[in-house]
Amino acid sequence: MTDTGTDAERGNQGFPHGIGGADDVIAMPLQCSTQWDGLGHIFDHGNAWNGRRAGDVVTSDGDLVTGIEHAASVVVSRGVLLDVGRHLRPETGELDEGHAITVADLEATAAAQGDSARIGRGDIVLVRTGQYTRTRRDGWGDYAGGPAPGLSVTTAGWLHRTEIAAIATDTWGFEVRPNEFDAEAFQPLHQVVIPNMGLTIGEMWNLDELAAACAELGRWEFLLSAPPLPITGAVGSPINPIALL
């Protein structure tokens, strides 16, 4: 808080005729909440999205090419929720930490949910694993970097073929952790889909209320509006997504 009610009561704000006010300021990492990863967030061997060199895109002045502000007016589309946690673990609705979600898991979930869960070009796909549910109960644990369910790196081809506009999960890192390699690796699916496909990724979405509503209605599609904050040059942004069923 930069001004408070106490300041107003004491009359030390310098305003006339008894008016007072409260003001505040916030400083935060832009990817510490429900958020989108921008296209300048991840590089592959020094390359950014669309074949540009990473240093030509993101400098100390921010993302000069693909800043998140360019997405602020366009992230609205048909949304589809795939409740993989509910489909694979109906007794708890929560996938185990380290569970790698495969294409078969995604397609089986969509088939079980019916026609309204059919994935189409330009859709925004939401994948519920149940990890957010667990973290609200037990805490984040080793956040960030700890074990988590998430998409397998083998889903990269499916993400490309479906031509979806964006995808988000209820986990801290989108893809499965630990990653699926004997050799050292960190977020390889990010490395494929952001700089090479231009796919927008969302993380830490609380999908529980939406999942309950979809299950009650038997309908898994909706209008989804999830614009980032128009922060010039940012490579990610907190969001407040809204699903209209």
Protein backbone atom coordinates (compact mmCIF):
# COMPACT_ATOMS: atom_id res chain seq x y z
CA MET A 1 0.00 0.00 0.00
CA THR A 2 1.27 3.46 -0.89
CA ASP A 3 -1.65 5.27 0.80
CA THR A 4 -3.96 3.88 3.46
CA GLY A 5 -7.06 4.62 5.48
CA THR A 6 -4.82 5.50 8.41
CA ASP A 7 -3.21 8.22 6.29
CA ALA A 8 -6.68 9.54 5.45
CA GLU A 9 -7.80 9.53 9.10
CA ARG A 10 -4.72 11.50 10.13
CA GLY A 11 -5.23 13.98 7.31
CA ASN A 12 -1.61 13.72 6.20
CA GLN A 13 -2.25 13.14 2.52
CA GLY A 14 -2.49 16.80 1.67
CA PHE A 15 -5.91 16.69 0.00
CA PRO A 16 -8.51 19.45 0.60
CA HIS A 17 -12.03 19.24 2.04
CA GLY A 18 -11.49 15.97 3.90
CA ILE A 19 -11.08 13.70 0.89
CA GLY A 20 -8.72 10.77 1.35
CA GLY A 21 -7.80 7.68 -0.58
CA ALA A 22 -5.87 4.46 -0.73
CA ASP A 23 -3.47 3.35 -3.44
CA ASP A 24 -1.22 0.37 -3.98
CA VAL A 25 1.47 -1.04 -6.22
CA ILE A 26 2.41 -4.58 -7.17
CA ALA A 27 5.62 -6.13 -8.50
CA MET A 28 5.61 -9.74 -9.61
CA PRO A 29 7.12 -12.23 -12.05
CA LEU A 30 4.74 -12.35 -14.99
CA GLN A 31 4.58 -16.15 -14.97
CA CYS A 32 3.87 -16.85 -11.32
CA SER A 33 0.11 -17.33 -11.65
CA THR A 34 -2.52 -18.51 -14.13
CA GLN A 35 -0.74 -17.33 -17.26
CA TRP A 36 0.27 -17.60 -20.89
CA ASP A 37 3.79 -18.22 -22.13
CA GLY A 38 4.53 -15.77 -24.93
CA LEU A 39 6.35 -16.70 -28.13
CA GLY A 40 9.52 -15.04 -26.87
CA HIS A 41 9.64 -17.16 -23.72
CA ILE A 42 11.59 -20.18 -25.00
CA PHE A 43 14.38 -20.55 -27.58
CA ASP A 44 15.80 -23.54 -29.43
CA HIS A 45 19.57 -23.49 -29.95
CA GLY A 46 19.56 -19.69 -29.92
CA ASN A 47 16.59 -19.39 -32.27
CA ALA A 48 13.26 -17.76 -31.49
CA TRP A 49 9.91 -18.32 -33.19
CA ASN A 50 9.84 -17.91 -36.97
CA GLY A 51 13.57 -18.41 -37.51
CA ARG A 52 14.81 -15.26 -35.83
CA ARG A 53 17.89 -15.21 -33.63
CA ALA A 54 16.94 -15.05 -29.96
CA GLY A 55 19.13 -11.98 -29.34
CA ASP A 56 17.37 -10.09 -32.11
CA VAL A 57 13.98 -10.78 -30.54
CA VAL A 58 14.37 -10.40 -26.78
CA THR A 59 16.82 -7.85 -25.40
CA SER A 60 17.08 -5.91 -22.16
CA ASP A 61 14.33 -3.73 -23.64
CA GLY A 62 11.98 -6.72 -23.76
CA ASP A 63 10.52 -8.79 -26.58
CA LEU A 64 10.82 -6.44 -29.54
CA VAL A 65 9.02 -8.72 -32.02
CA THR A 66 6.57 -11.09 -30.35
CA GLY A 67 5.75 -9.19 -27.15
CA ILE A 68 2.68 -10.46 -25.35
CA GLU A 69 0.84 -7.21 -26.07
CA HIS A 70 0.27 -8.39 -29.64
CA ALA A 71 -1.96 -11.20 -28.31
CA ALA A 72 -4.05 -9.01 -26.03
CA SER A 73 -6.93 -8.59 -28.48
CA VAL A 74 -6.97 -11.99 -30.15
CA VAL A 75 -7.03 -14.76 -27.54
CA VAL A 76 -10.68 -15.71 -27.82
CA SER A 77 -11.92 -18.88 -29.48
CA ARG A 78 -13.82 -22.11 -29.03
CA GLY A 79 -12.46 -23.79 -25.95
CA VAL A 80 -12.49 -27.53 -25.28
CA LEU A 81 -11.79 -29.10 -21.90
CA LEU A 82 -10.24 -32.55 -21.81
CA ASP A 83 -10.56 -33.80 -18.23
CA VAL A 84 -7.85 -36.42 -18.45
CA GLY A 85 -7.62 -36.68 -14.67
CA ARG A 86 -11.30 -37.56 -14.41
CA HIS A 87 -11.15 -40.00 -17.33
CA LEU A 88 -8.05 -41.92 -16.28
CA ARG A 89 -8.50 -41.68 -12.49
CA PRO A 90 -12.28 -41.53 -11.95
CA GLU A 91 -11.87 -42.45 -8.28
CA THR A 92 -9.81 -39.32 -7.49
CA GLY A 93 -9.78 -37.17 -10.64
CA GLU A 94 -6.05 -36.66 -10.11
CA LEU A 95 -3.20 -38.06 -12.19
CA ASP A 96 -0.08 -39.18 -10.34
CA GLU A 97 2.97 -36.94 -10.31
CA GLY A 98 5.16 -37.84 -13.27
CA HIS A 99 2.29 -39.19 -15.37
CA ALA A 100 3.05 -38.50 -19.03
CA ILE A 101 -0.16 -37.77 -20.95
CA THR A 102 0.00 -39.40 -24.37
CA VAL A 103 -1.90 -38.81 -27.60
CA ALA A 104 -3.86 -41.96 -26.78
CA ASP A 105 -4.86 -40.43 -23.42
CA LEU A 106 -6.02 -37.21 -25.07
CA GLU A 107 -7.97 -38.97 -27.79
CA ALA A 108 -9.53 -41.47 -25.39
CA THR A 109 -10.67 -38.64 -23.13
CA ALA A 110 -12.17 -36.73 -26.05
CA ALA A 111 -13.96 -39.86 -27.28
CA ALA A 112 -15.37 -40.60 -23.82
CA GLN A 113 -16.63 -37.03 -23.44
CA GLY A 114 -18.47 -37.10 -26.77
CA ASP A 115 -18.96 -34.87 -29.79
CA SER A 116 -18.64 -31.60 -27.86
CA ALA A 117 -15.02 -32.55 -27.03
CA ARG A 118 -14.01 -32.92 -30.67
CA ILE A 119 -10.86 -30.89 -31.28
CA GLY A 120 -10.82 -28.56 -34.29
CA ARG A 121 -8.49 -26.13 -36.00
CA GLY A 122 -8.10 -22.89 -34.04
CA ASP A 123 -9.46 -24.30 -30.78
CA ILE A 124 -7.97 -23.58 -27.38
CA VAL A 125 -7.56 -26.89 -25.57
CA LEU A 126 -7.58 -27.09 -21.78
CA VAL A 127 -6.16 -30.24 -20.18
CA ARG A 128 -7.09 -30.98 -16.61
CA THR A 129 -4.75 -33.34 -14.75
CA GLY A 130 -5.93 -32.72 -11.20
CA GLN A 131 -2.59 -31.36 -10.02
CA TYR A 132 -4.09 -27.95 -9.22
CA THR A 133 -6.70 -29.71 -7.11
CA ARG A 134 -3.97 -31.48 -5.21
CA THR A 135 -1.90 -28.32 -4.70
CA ARG A 136 -4.88 -26.48 -3.23
CA ARG A 137 -5.16 -29.29 -0.72
CA ASP A 138 -1.49 -30.14 -0.09
CA GLY A 139 0.52 -27.16 -1.37
CA TRP A 140 2.88 -26.92 -4.33
CA GLY A 141 5.74 -28.85 -2.73
CA ASP A 142 8.84 -28.45 -4.88
CA TYR A 143 7.29 -25.75 -7.07
CA ALA A 144 8.72 -24.90 -9.48
CA GLY A 145 10.58 -27.83 -10.86
CA GLY A 146 9.11 -30.67 -8.85
CA PRO A 147 7.38 -33.76 -10.21
CA ALA A 148 4.11 -33.15 -12.01
CA PRO A 149 1.77 -34.82 -14.47
CA GLY A 150 1.70 -33.22 -17.90
CA LEU A 151 1.87 -33.71 -21.63
CA SER A 152 4.37 -36.19 -23.01
CA VAL A 153 6.93 -34.88 -25.47
CA THR A 154 5.43 -37.46 -27.85
CA THR A 155 2.31 -35.28 -28.16
CA ALA A 156 4.24 -32.72 -30.21
CA GLY A 157 3.07 -34.21 -33.52
CA TRP A 158 -0.56 -34.18 -32.36
CA LEU A 159 -0.28 -30.56 -31.25
CA HIS A 160 0.98 -29.68 -34.73
CA ARG A 161 -1.49 -31.79 -36.72
CA THR A 162 -4.56 -30.53 -34.91
CA GLU A 163 -3.65 -26.91 -35.67
CA ILE A 164 -5.00 -25.74 -32.34
CA ALA A 165 -4.43 -22.10 -31.43
CA ALA A 166 -3.32 -22.65 -27.85
CA ILE A 167 -3.26 -25.21 -25.04
CA ALA A 168 -3.23 -24.86 -21.26
CA THR A 169 -3.01 -27.19 -18.28
CA ASP A 170 -3.62 -27.03 -14.54
CA THR A 171 0.04 -27.82 -13.81
CA TRP A 172 3.00 -25.56 -13.11
CA GLY A 173 4.99 -26.56 -16.20
CA PHE A 174 2.55 -27.84 -18.86
CA GLU A 175 4.59 -30.93 -19.71
CA VAL A 176 5.37 -33.95 -17.57
CA ARG A 177 8.06 -33.62 -14.92
CA PRO A 178 10.54 -35.21 -14.65
CA ASN A 179 10.98 -35.09 -18.41
CA GLU A 180 11.09 -38.34 -20.34
CA PHE A 181 14.78 -38.67 -21.17
CA ASP A 182 17.63 -40.61 -19.64
CA ALA A 183 19.89 -37.73 -20.66
CA GLU A 184 19.56 -34.38 -18.93
CA ALA A 185 16.62 -32.38 -20.27
CA PHE A 186 14.51 -29.46 -19.18
CA GLN A 187 11.12 -28.72 -20.72
CA PRO A 188 11.80 -30.28 -24.16
CA LEU A 189 8.17 -29.97 -25.26
CA HIS A 190 8.39 -26.22 -24.64
CA GLN A 191 11.53 -26.23 -26.76
CA VAL A 192 9.64 -27.84 -29.63
CA VAL A 193 6.27 -26.14 -29.63
CA ILE A 194 7.03 -22.51 -28.74
CA PRO A 195 10.03 -21.59 -30.94
CA ASN A 196 9.33 -24.13 -33.69
CA MET A 197 5.51 -24.20 -33.87
CA GLY A 198 4.51 -20.85 -32.47
CA LEU A 199 2.06 -22.49 -30.06
CA THR A 200 0.80 -20.47 -27.10
CA ILE A 201 0.99 -22.41 -23.82
CA GLY A 202 -0.88 -21.77 -20.59
CA GLU A 203 -0.04 -23.03 -17.12
CA MET A 204 -1.51 -23.10 -13.60
CA TRP A 205 -5.14 -22.82 -14.74
CA ASN A 206 -7.68 -23.73 -12.07
CA LEU A 207 -9.99 -25.92 -14.13
CA ASP A 208 -11.97 -27.58 -11.34
CA GLU A 209 -15.10 -25.39 -11.43
CA LEU A 210 -15.20 -25.53 -15.21
CA ALA A 211 -14.75 -29.31 -15.19
CA ALA A 212 -17.61 -29.74 -12.72
CA ALA A 213 -19.89 -27.55 -14.83
CA CYS A 214 -18.98 -29.38 -18.03
CA ALA A 215 -19.57 -32.77 -16.43
CA GLU A 216 -22.97 -31.65 -15.11
CA LEU A 217 -24.03 -30.29 -18.50
CA GLY A 218 -22.45 -33.11 -20.49
CA ARG A 219 -20.88 -30.46 -22.72
CA TRP A 220 -17.16 -29.84 -22.97
CA GLU A 221 -17.00 -26.90 -25.39
CA PHE A 222 -17.46 -23.21 -24.63
CA LEU A 223 -16.47 -19.73 -25.70
CA LEU A 224 -13.14 -18.97 -24.08
CA SER A 225 -11.75 -15.49 -23.61
CA ALA A 226 -8.25 -15.37 -22.12
CA PRO A 227 -6.43 -12.19 -23.15
CA PRO A 228 -3.03 -11.44 -21.65
CA LEU A 229 -2.31 -8.11 -20.06
CA PRO A 230 -1.00 -5.77 -22.78
CA ILE A 231 2.43 -5.43 -21.18
CA THR A 232 4.70 -4.09 -23.90
CA GLY A 233 7.61 -6.42 -24.63
CA ALA A 234 6.66 -9.07 -22.08
CA VAL A 235 7.27 -12.78 -22.76
CA GLY A 236 4.39 -13.93 -20.56
CA SER A 237 1.39 -12.57 -18.73
CA PRO A 238 -1.02 -13.33 -15.89
CA ILE A 239 -4.56 -13.86 -17.16
CA ASN A 240 -8.10 -14.16 -15.88
CA PRO A 241 -9.71 -16.60 -18.33
CA ILE A 242 -13.49 -16.72 -18.73
CA ALA A 243 -15.42 -19.66 -20.17
CA LEU A 244 -18.97 -19.01 -21.38
CA LEU A 245 -20.98 -22.23 -21.59
